[in-house]
mmCIF file of all heavy atoms, coordinates in Angstrom:
data_MODEL
# 
_entry.id   MODEL 
# 
loop_
_atom_site.group_PDB 
_atom_site.id 
_atom_site.type_symbol 
_atom_site.label_atom_id 
_atom_site.label_alt_id 
_atom_site.label_comp_id 
_atom_site.label_asym_id 
_atom_site.label_entity_id 
_atom_site.label_seq_id 
_atom_site.pdbx_PDB_ins_code 
_atom_site.Cartn_x 
_atom_site.Cartn_y 
_atom_site.Cartn_z 
_atom_site.occupancy 
_atom_site.B_iso_or_equiv 
_atom_site.pdbx_formal_charge 
_atom_site.auth_seq_id 
_atom_site.auth_comp_id 
_atom_site.auth_asym_id 
_atom_site.auth_atom_id 
_atom_site.pdbx_PDB_model_num 
ATOM 1   N N   . LEU A 1 1  ? -63.772 299.340 150.722 1.00 0.00 ? 1  LEU A N   1 
ATOM 2   C CA  . LEU A 1 1  ? -64.678 299.165 149.605 1.00 0.00 ? 1  LEU A CA  1 
ATOM 3   C C   . LEU A 1 1  ? -63.923 299.097 148.331 1.00 0.00 ? 1  LEU A C   1 
ATOM 4   O O   . LEU A 1 1  ? -62.812 298.542 148.239 1.00 0.00 ? 1  LEU A O   1 
ATOM 5   C CB  . LEU A 1 1  ? -65.738 300.276 149.611 1.00 0.00 ? 1  LEU A CB  1 
ATOM 6   C CG  . LEU A 1 1  ? -66.637 300.299 150.881 1.00 0.00 ? 1  LEU A CG  1 
ATOM 7   C CD1 . LEU A 1 1  ? -67.604 301.463 150.788 1.00 0.00 ? 1  LEU A CD1 1 
ATOM 8   C CD2 . LEU A 1 1  ? -67.355 299.029 151.024 1.00 0.00 ? 1  LEU A CD2 1 
ATOM 9   N N   . GLU A 1 2  ? -64.518 299.700 147.259 1.00 0.00 ? 2  GLU A N   1 
ATOM 10  C CA  . GLU A 1 2  ? -63.884 299.512 145.956 1.00 0.00 ? 2  GLU A CA  1 
ATOM 11  C C   . GLU A 1 2  ? -62.693 300.390 145.739 1.00 0.00 ? 2  GLU A C   1 
ATOM 12  O O   . GLU A 1 2  ? -61.972 300.299 144.745 1.00 0.00 ? 2  GLU A O   1 
ATOM 13  C CB  . GLU A 1 2  ? -64.847 299.800 144.833 1.00 0.00 ? 2  GLU A CB  1 
ATOM 14  C CG  . GLU A 1 2  ? -65.368 301.271 144.786 1.00 0.00 ? 2  GLU A CG  1 
ATOM 15  C CD  . GLU A 1 2  ? -66.655 301.406 145.650 1.00 0.00 ? 2  GLU A CD  1 
ATOM 16  O OE1 . GLU A 1 2  ? -66.891 300.634 146.583 1.00 0.00 ? 2  GLU A OE1 1 
ATOM 17  O OE2 . GLU A 1 2  ? -67.388 302.294 145.331 1.00 0.00 ? 2  GLU A OE2 1 
ATOM 18  N N   . LEU A 1 3  ? -62.363 301.272 146.677 1.00 0.00 ? 3  LEU A N   1 
ATOM 19  C CA  . LEU A 1 3  ? -61.165 302.104 146.585 1.00 0.00 ? 3  LEU A CA  1 
ATOM 20  C C   . LEU A 1 3  ? -59.912 301.445 147.073 1.00 0.00 ? 3  LEU A C   1 
ATOM 21  O O   . LEU A 1 3  ? -58.819 301.959 147.001 1.00 0.00 ? 3  LEU A O   1 
ATOM 22  C CB  . LEU A 1 3  ? -61.340 303.403 147.390 1.00 0.00 ? 3  LEU A CB  1 
ATOM 23  C CG  . LEU A 1 3  ? -62.448 304.349 146.857 1.00 0.00 ? 3  LEU A CG  1 
ATOM 24  C CD1 . LEU A 1 3  ? -62.538 305.564 147.726 1.00 0.00 ? 3  LEU A CD1 1 
ATOM 25  C CD2 . LEU A 1 3  ? -62.042 304.830 145.427 1.00 0.00 ? 3  LEU A CD2 1 
ATOM 26  N N   . ARG A 1 4  ? -60.013 300.208 147.569 1.00 0.00 ? 4  ARG A N   1 
ATOM 27  C CA  . ARG A 1 4  ? -58.907 299.534 148.193 1.00 0.00 ? 4  ARG A CA  1 
ATOM 28  C C   . ARG A 1 4  ? -57.732 299.451 147.182 1.00 0.00 ? 4  ARG A C   1 
ATOM 29  O O   . ARG A 1 4  ? -56.638 299.854 147.433 1.00 0.00 ? 4  ARG A O   1 
ATOM 30  C CB  . ARG A 1 4  ? -59.323 298.151 148.643 1.00 0.00 ? 4  ARG A CB  1 
ATOM 31  C CG  . ARG A 1 4  ? -58.204 297.348 149.311 1.00 0.00 ? 4  ARG A CG  1 
ATOM 32  C CD  . ARG A 1 4  ? -58.670 295.944 149.673 1.00 0.00 ? 4  ARG A CD  1 
ATOM 33  N NE  . ARG A 1 4  ? -59.826 296.007 150.458 1.00 0.00 ? 4  ARG A NE  1 
ATOM 34  C CZ  . ARG A 1 4  ? -59.795 296.065 151.834 1.00 0.00 ? 4  ARG A CZ  1 
ATOM 35  N NH1 . ARG A 1 4  ? -58.555 296.119 152.459 1.00 0.00 ? 4  ARG A NH1 1 
ATOM 36  N NH2 . ARG A 1 4  ? -60.867 296.080 152.550 1.00 0.00 ? 4  ARG A NH2 1 
ATOM 37  N N   . GLU A 1 5  ? -57.947 298.842 145.994 1.00 0.00 ? 5  GLU A N   1 
ATOM 38  C CA  . GLU A 1 5  ? -56.869 298.655 145.047 1.00 0.00 ? 5  GLU A CA  1 
ATOM 39  C C   . GLU A 1 5  ? -56.302 299.964 144.588 1.00 0.00 ? 5  GLU A C   1 
ATOM 40  O O   . GLU A 1 5  ? -55.126 300.144 144.468 1.00 0.00 ? 5  GLU A O   1 
ATOM 41  C CB  . GLU A 1 5  ? -57.336 297.798 143.871 1.00 0.00 ? 5  GLU A CB  1 
ATOM 42  C CG  . GLU A 1 5  ? -57.648 296.335 144.271 1.00 0.00 ? 5  GLU A CG  1 
ATOM 43  C CD  . GLU A 1 5  ? -58.084 295.556 143.035 1.00 0.00 ? 5  GLU A CD  1 
ATOM 44  O OE1 . GLU A 1 5  ? -58.040 296.127 141.946 1.00 0.00 ? 5  GLU A OE1 1 
ATOM 45  O OE2 . GLU A 1 5  ? -58.401 294.380 143.229 1.00 0.00 ? 5  GLU A OE2 1 
ATOM 46  N N   . GLN A 1 6  ? -57.174 300.969 144.342 1.00 0.00 ? 6  GLN A N   1 
ATOM 47  C CA  . GLN A 1 6  ? -56.768 302.246 143.859 1.00 0.00 ? 6  GLN A CA  1 
ATOM 48  C C   . GLN A 1 6  ? -55.864 302.921 144.864 1.00 0.00 ? 6  GLN A C   1 
ATOM 49  O O   . GLN A 1 6  ? -54.857 303.419 144.475 1.00 0.00 ? 6  GLN A O   1 
ATOM 50  C CB  . GLN A 1 6  ? -57.992 303.131 143.627 1.00 0.00 ? 6  GLN A CB  1 
ATOM 51  C CG  . GLN A 1 6  ? -57.634 304.528 143.210 1.00 0.00 ? 6  GLN A CG  1 
ATOM 52  C CD  . GLN A 1 6  ? -58.866 305.434 143.086 1.00 0.00 ? 6  GLN A CD  1 
ATOM 53  O OE1 . GLN A 1 6  ? -59.984 304.960 143.116 1.00 0.00 ? 6  GLN A OE1 1 
ATOM 54  N NE2 . GLN A 1 6  ? -58.623 306.720 143.067 1.00 0.00 ? 6  GLN A NE2 1 
ATOM 55  N N   . GLU A 1 7  ? -56.169 302.863 146.131 1.00 0.00 ? 7  GLU A N   1 
ATOM 56  C CA  . GLU A 1 7  ? -55.366 303.519 147.125 1.00 0.00 ? 7  GLU A CA  1 
ATOM 57  C C   . GLU A 1 7  ? -53.989 302.829 147.306 1.00 0.00 ? 7  GLU A C   1 
ATOM 58  O O   . GLU A 1 7  ? -53.025 303.481 147.483 1.00 0.00 ? 7  GLU A O   1 
ATOM 59  C CB  . GLU A 1 7  ? -56.103 303.561 148.511 1.00 0.00 ? 7  GLU A CB  1 
ATOM 60  C CG  . GLU A 1 7  ? -57.299 304.430 148.430 1.00 0.00 ? 7  GLU A CG  1 
ATOM 61  C CD  . GLU A 1 7  ? -58.021 304.521 149.770 1.00 0.00 ? 7  GLU A CD  1 
ATOM 62  O OE1 . GLU A 1 7  ? -57.419 304.006 150.780 1.00 0.00 ? 7  GLU A OE1 1 
ATOM 63  O OE2 . GLU A 1 7  ? -59.075 305.145 149.866 1.00 0.00 ? 7  GLU A OE2 1 
ATOM 64  N N   . GLU A 1 8  ? -54.038 301.502 147.278 1.00 0.00 ? 8  GLU A N   1 
ATOM 65  C CA  . GLU A 1 8  ? -52.773 300.783 147.433 1.00 0.00 ? 8  GLU A CA  1 
ATOM 66  C C   . GLU A 1 8  ? -51.868 301.061 146.244 1.00 0.00 ? 8  GLU A C   1 
ATOM 67  O O   . GLU A 1 8  ? -50.636 301.081 146.380 1.00 0.00 ? 8  GLU A O   1 
ATOM 68  C CB  . GLU A 1 8  ? -53.063 299.303 147.560 1.00 0.00 ? 8  GLU A CB  1 
ATOM 69  C CG  . GLU A 1 8  ? -53.773 298.924 148.901 1.00 0.00 ? 8  GLU A CG  1 
ATOM 70  C CD  . GLU A 1 8  ? -54.030 297.445 148.973 1.00 0.00 ? 8  GLU A CD  1 
ATOM 71  O OE1 . GLU A 1 8  ? -53.939 296.781 147.974 1.00 0.00 ? 8  GLU A OE1 1 
ATOM 72  O OE2 . GLU A 1 8  ? -54.414 296.982 150.089 1.00 0.00 ? 8  GLU A OE2 1 
ATOM 73  N N   . THR A 1 9  ? -52.447 301.251 145.067 1.00 0.00 ? 9  THR A N   1 
ATOM 74  C CA  . THR A 1 9  ? -51.663 301.475 143.863 1.00 0.00 ? 9  THR A CA  1 
ATOM 75  C C   . THR A 1 9  ? -51.052 302.873 143.865 1.00 0.00 ? 9  THR A C   1 
ATOM 76  O O   . THR A 1 9  ? -49.883 303.090 143.516 1.00 0.00 ? 9  THR A O   1 
ATOM 77  C CB  . THR A 1 9  ? -52.486 301.279 142.604 1.00 0.00 ? 9  THR A CB  1 
ATOM 78  O OG1 . THR A 1 9  ? -53.004 299.957 142.630 1.00 0.00 ? 9  THR A OG1 1 
ATOM 79  C CG2 . THR A 1 9  ? -51.689 301.543 141.338 1.00 0.00 ? 9  THR A CG2 1 
ATOM 80  N N   . GLN A 1 10 ? -51.841 303.856 144.305 1.00 0.00 ? 10 GLN A N   1 
ATOM 81  C CA  . GLN A 1 10 ? -51.449 305.232 144.257 1.00 0.00 ? 10 GLN A CA  1 
ATOM 82  C C   . GLN A 1 10 ? -50.497 305.614 145.352 1.00 0.00 ? 10 GLN A C   1 
ATOM 83  O O   . GLN A 1 10 ? -49.712 306.562 145.246 1.00 0.00 ? 10 GLN A O   1 
ATOM 84  C CB  . GLN A 1 10 ? -52.629 306.204 144.254 1.00 0.00 ? 10 GLN A CB  1 
ATOM 85  C CG  . GLN A 1 10 ? -53.503 306.043 142.959 1.00 0.00 ? 10 GLN A CG  1 
ATOM 86  C CD  . GLN A 1 10 ? -54.660 306.937 143.038 1.00 0.00 ? 10 GLN A CD  1 
ATOM 87  O OE1 . GLN A 1 10 ? -54.951 307.556 144.032 1.00 0.00 ? 10 GLN A OE1 1 
ATOM 88  N NE2 . GLN A 1 10 ? -55.398 307.034 141.898 1.00 0.00 ? 10 GLN A NE2 1 
ATOM 89  N N   . GLY A 1 11 ? -50.620 304.973 146.510 1.00 0.00 ? 11 GLY A N   1 
ATOM 90  C CA  . GLY A 1 11 ? -49.841 305.349 147.717 1.00 0.00 ? 11 GLY A CA  1 
ATOM 91  C C   . GLY A 1 11 ? -48.342 305.420 147.462 1.00 0.00 ? 11 GLY A C   1 
ATOM 92  O O   . GLY A 1 11 ? -47.759 304.466 146.993 1.00 0.00 ? 11 GLY A O   1 
ATOM 93  N N   . GLY A 1 12 ? -47.761 306.567 147.701 1.00 0.00 ? 12 GLY A N   1 
ATOM 94  C CA  . GLY A 1 12 ? -46.300 306.731 147.621 1.00 0.00 ? 12 GLY A CA  1 
ATOM 95  C C   . GLY A 1 12 ? -45.790 306.732 146.185 1.00 0.00 ? 12 GLY A C   1 
ATOM 96  O O   . GLY A 1 12 ? -44.579 306.526 146.038 1.00 0.00 ? 12 GLY A O   1 
ATOM 97  N N   . SER A 1 13 ? -46.614 306.969 145.189 1.00 0.00 ? 13 SER A N   1 
ATOM 98  C CA  . SER A 1 13 ? -46.158 306.876 143.805 1.00 0.00 ? 13 SER A CA  1 
ATOM 99  C C   . SER A 1 13 ? -45.191 307.974 143.430 1.00 0.00 ? 13 SER A C   1 
ATOM 100 O O   . SER A 1 13 ? -44.493 307.906 142.427 1.00 0.00 ? 13 SER A O   1 
ATOM 101 C CB  . SER A 1 13 ? -47.346 306.905 142.882 1.00 0.00 ? 13 SER A CB  1 
ATOM 102 O OG  . SER A 1 13 ? -48.039 308.138 143.039 1.00 0.00 ? 13 SER A OG  1 
ATOM 103 N N   . PHE A 1 14 ? -45.083 309.050 144.286 1.00 0.00 ? 14 PHE A N   1 
ATOM 104 C CA  . PHE A 1 14 ? -44.230 310.153 143.940 1.00 0.00 ? 14 PHE A CA  1 
ATOM 105 C C   . PHE A 1 14 ? -42.835 310.003 144.410 1.00 0.00 ? 14 PHE A C   1 
ATOM 106 O O   . PHE A 1 14 ? -41.908 310.766 144.117 1.00 0.00 ? 14 PHE A O   1 
ATOM 107 C CB  . PHE A 1 14 ? -44.808 311.452 144.548 1.00 0.00 ? 14 PHE A CB  1 
ATOM 108 C CG  . PHE A 1 14 ? -44.761 311.434 146.020 1.00 0.00 ? 14 PHE A CG  1 
ATOM 109 C CD1 . PHE A 1 14 ? -43.686 311.933 146.769 1.00 0.00 ? 14 PHE A CD1 1 
ATOM 110 C CD2 . PHE A 1 14 ? -45.821 310.911 146.758 1.00 0.00 ? 14 PHE A CD2 1 
ATOM 111 C CE1 . PHE A 1 14 ? -43.645 311.911 148.082 1.00 0.00 ? 14 PHE A CE1 1 
ATOM 112 C CE2 . PHE A 1 14 ? -45.805 310.871 148.128 1.00 0.00 ? 14 PHE A CE2 1 
ATOM 113 C CZ  . PHE A 1 14 ? -44.716 311.342 148.824 1.00 0.00 ? 14 PHE A CZ  1 
ATOM 114 N N   . LEU A 1 15 ? -42.554 308.898 145.168 1.00 0.00 ? 15 LEU A N   1 
ATOM 115 C CA  . LEU A 1 15 ? -41.220 308.715 145.736 1.00 0.00 ? 15 LEU A CA  1 
ATOM 116 C C   . LEU A 1 15 ? -40.188 308.614 144.653 1.00 0.00 ? 15 LEU A C   1 
ATOM 117 O O   . LEU A 1 15 ? -40.348 307.895 143.674 1.00 0.00 ? 15 LEU A O   1 
ATOM 118 C CB  . LEU A 1 15 ? -41.202 307.465 146.674 1.00 0.00 ? 15 LEU A CB  1 
ATOM 119 C CG  . LEU A 1 15 ? -42.089 307.546 147.886 1.00 0.00 ? 15 LEU A CG  1 
ATOM 120 C CD1 . LEU A 1 15 ? -42.015 306.233 148.627 1.00 0.00 ? 15 LEU A CD1 1 
ATOM 121 C CD2 . LEU A 1 15 ? -41.600 308.656 148.815 1.00 0.00 ? 15 LEU A CD2 1 
ATOM 122 N N   . GLY A 1 16 ? -39.083 309.328 144.883 1.00 0.00 ? 16 GLY A N   1 
ATOM 123 C CA  . GLY A 1 16 ? -37.931 309.194 143.961 1.00 0.00 ? 16 GLY A CA  1 
ATOM 124 C C   . GLY A 1 16 ? -38.065 310.086 142.703 1.00 0.00 ? 16 GLY A C   1 
ATOM 125 O O   . GLY A 1 16 ? -37.149 310.116 141.879 1.00 0.00 ? 16 GLY A O   1 
ATOM 126 N N   . THR A 1 17 ? -39.121 310.871 142.587 1.00 0.00 ? 17 THR A N   1 
ATOM 127 C CA  . THR A 1 17 ? -39.213 311.739 141.387 1.00 0.00 ? 17 THR A CA  1 
ATOM 128 C C   . THR A 1 17 ? -38.981 313.199 141.712 1.00 0.00 ? 17 THR A C   1 
ATOM 129 O O   . THR A 1 17 ? -38.885 313.969 140.781 1.00 0.00 ? 17 THR A O   1 
ATOM 130 C CB  . THR A 1 17 ? -40.687 311.614 140.859 1.00 0.00 ? 17 THR A CB  1 
ATOM 131 O OG1 . THR A 1 17 ? -41.628 312.127 141.787 1.00 0.00 ? 17 THR A OG1 1 
ATOM 132 C CG2 . THR A 1 17 ? -41.011 310.156 140.487 1.00 0.00 ? 17 THR A CG2 1 
ATOM 133 N N   . THR A 1 18 ? -38.902 313.564 142.966 1.00 0.00 ? 18 THR A N   1 
ATOM 134 C CA  . THR A 1 18 ? -38.656 314.954 143.310 1.00 0.00 ? 18 THR A CA  1 
ATOM 135 C C   . THR A 1 18 ? -37.623 315.036 144.421 1.00 0.00 ? 18 THR A C   1 
ATOM 136 O O   . THR A 1 18 ? -37.393 314.101 145.160 1.00 0.00 ? 18 THR A O   1 
ATOM 137 C CB  . THR A 1 18 ? -39.971 315.637 143.825 1.00 0.00 ? 18 THR A CB  1 
ATOM 138 O OG1 . THR A 1 18 ? -40.449 314.969 145.001 1.00 0.00 ? 18 THR A OG1 1 
ATOM 139 C CG2 . THR A 1 18 ? -40.983 315.673 142.754 1.00 0.00 ? 18 THR A CG2 1 
ATOM 140 N N   . LEU A 1 19 ? -37.002 316.217 144.508 1.00 0.00 ? 19 LEU A N   1 
ATOM 141 C CA  . LEU A 1 19 ? -35.968 316.472 145.505 1.00 0.00 ? 19 LEU A CA  1 
ATOM 142 C C   . LEU A 1 19 ? -36.109 317.898 145.999 1.00 0.00 ? 19 LEU A C   1 
ATOM 143 O O   . LEU A 1 19 ? -36.146 318.837 145.177 1.00 0.00 ? 19 LEU A O   1 
ATOM 144 C CB  . LEU A 1 19 ? -34.591 316.196 144.966 1.00 0.00 ? 19 LEU A CB  1 
ATOM 145 C CG  . LEU A 1 19 ? -33.395 316.485 145.890 1.00 0.00 ? 19 LEU A CG  1 
ATOM 146 C CD1 . LEU A 1 19 ? -33.416 315.474 147.060 1.00 0.00 ? 19 LEU A CD1 1 
ATOM 147 C CD2 . LEU A 1 19 ? -32.058 316.389 145.112 1.00 0.00 ? 19 LEU A CD2 1 
ATOM 148 N N   . ARG A 1 20 ? -36.175 318.120 147.298 1.00 0.00 ? 20 ARG A N   1 
ATOM 149 C CA  . ARG A 1 20 ? -36.289 319.465 147.828 1.00 0.00 ? 20 ARG A CA  1 
ATOM 150 C C   . ARG A 1 20 ? -34.889 320.082 147.913 1.00 0.00 ? 20 ARG A C   1 
ATOM 151 O O   . ARG A 1 20 ? -33.926 319.483 148.391 1.00 0.00 ? 20 ARG A O   1 
ATOM 152 C CB  . ARG A 1 20 ? -36.866 319.478 149.267 1.00 0.00 ? 20 ARG A CB  1 
ATOM 153 C CG  . ARG A 1 20 ? -38.328 319.075 149.288 1.00 0.00 ? 20 ARG A CG  1 
ATOM 154 C CD  . ARG A 1 20 ? -38.917 319.301 150.659 1.00 0.00 ? 20 ARG A CD  1 
ATOM 155 N NE  . ARG A 1 20 ? -40.270 318.706 150.750 1.00 0.00 ? 20 ARG A NE  1 
ATOM 156 C CZ  . ARG A 1 20 ? -40.476 317.481 151.090 1.00 0.00 ? 20 ARG A CZ  1 
ATOM 157 N NH1 . ARG A 1 20 ? -39.544 316.690 151.485 1.00 0.00 ? 20 ARG A NH1 1 
ATOM 158 N NH2 . ARG A 1 20 ? -41.712 317.011 151.169 1.00 0.00 ? 20 ARG A NH2 1 
ATOM 159 N N   . VAL A 1 21 ? -34.763 321.331 147.448 1.00 0.00 ? 21 VAL A N   1 
ATOM 160 C CA  . VAL A 1 21 ? -33.492 322.023 147.464 1.00 0.00 ? 21 VAL A CA  1 
ATOM 161 C C   . VAL A 1 21 ? -33.735 323.403 148.126 1.00 0.00 ? 21 VAL A C   1 
ATOM 162 O O   . VAL A 1 21 ? -34.655 324.093 147.751 1.00 0.00 ? 21 VAL A O   1 
ATOM 163 C CB  . VAL A 1 21 ? -32.903 322.233 146.065 1.00 0.00 ? 21 VAL A CB  1 
ATOM 164 C CG1 . VAL A 1 21 ? -31.595 323.022 146.136 1.00 0.00 ? 21 VAL A CG1 1 
ATOM 165 C CG2 . VAL A 1 21 ? -32.698 320.863 145.415 1.00 0.00 ? 21 VAL A CG2 1 
ATOM 166 N N   . ASN A 1 22 ? -32.918 323.760 149.098 1.00 0.00 ? 22 ASN A N   1 
ATOM 167 C CA  . ASN A 1 22 ? -33.024 325.046 149.781 1.00 0.00 ? 22 ASN A CA  1 
ATOM 168 C C   . ASN A 1 22 ? -32.703 326.126 148.748 1.00 0.00 ? 22 ASN A C   1 
ATOM 169 O O   . ASN A 1 22 ? -31.720 326.019 147.969 1.00 0.00 ? 22 ASN A O   1 
ATOM 170 C CB  . ASN A 1 22 ? -32.017 325.099 150.920 1.00 0.00 ? 22 ASN A CB  1 
ATOM 171 C CG  . ASN A 1 22 ? -32.240 326.358 151.777 1.00 0.00 ? 22 ASN A CG  1 
ATOM 172 O OD1 . ASN A 1 22 ? -32.039 327.435 151.328 1.00 0.00 ? 22 ASN A OD1 1 
ATOM 173 N ND2 . ASN A 1 22 ? -32.592 326.137 153.047 1.00 0.00 ? 22 ASN A ND2 1 
ATOM 174 N N   . ILE A 1 23 ? -33.518 327.188 148.750 1.00 0.00 ? 23 ILE A N   1 
ATOM 175 C CA  . ILE A 1 23 ? -33.410 328.283 147.795 1.00 0.00 ? 23 ILE A CA  1 
ATOM 176 C C   . ILE A 1 23 ? -32.004 328.910 147.921 1.00 0.00 ? 23 ILE A C   1 
ATOM 177 O O   . ILE A 1 23 ? -31.439 329.423 146.936 1.00 0.00 ? 23 ILE A O   1 
ATOM 178 C CB  . ILE A 1 23 ? -34.518 329.335 147.945 1.00 0.00 ? 23 ILE A CB  1 
ATOM 179 C CG1 . ILE A 1 23 ? -34.509 330.305 146.764 1.00 0.00 ? 23 ILE A CG1 1 
ATOM 180 C CG2 . ILE A 1 23 ? -34.389 330.052 149.252 1.00 0.00 ? 23 ILE A CG2 1 
ATOM 181 C CD1 . ILE A 1 23 ? -34.819 329.700 145.496 1.00 0.00 ? 23 ILE A CD1 1 
ATOM 182 N N   . GLN A 1 24 ? -31.419 328.939 149.125 1.00 0.00 ? 24 GLN A N   1 
ATOM 183 C CA  . GLN A 1 24 ? -30.091 329.527 149.308 1.00 0.00 ? 24 GLN A CA  1 
ATOM 184 C C   . GLN A 1 24 ? -29.044 328.695 148.555 1.00 0.00 ? 24 GLN A C   1 
ATOM 185 O O   . GLN A 1 24 ? -28.064 329.252 148.068 1.00 0.00 ? 24 GLN A O   1 
ATOM 186 C CB  . GLN A 1 24 ? -29.787 329.580 150.807 1.00 0.00 ? 24 GLN A CB  1 
ATOM 187 C CG  . GLN A 1 24 ? -30.606 330.563 151.540 1.00 0.00 ? 24 GLN A CG  1 
ATOM 188 C CD  . GLN A 1 24 ? -30.325 330.626 153.046 1.00 0.00 ? 24 GLN A CD  1 
ATOM 189 O OE1 . GLN A 1 24 ? -29.643 329.784 153.561 1.00 0.00 ? 24 GLN A OE1 1 
ATOM 190 N NE2 . GLN A 1 24 ? -30.740 331.673 153.692 1.00 0.00 ? 24 GLN A NE2 1 
# 
């Protein structure tokens, strides 16, 4: 339905902005 474009735009938008680091 009308969420098609919104979902395709938002999907995976966080890639490359964060990095997991072990607390140790």
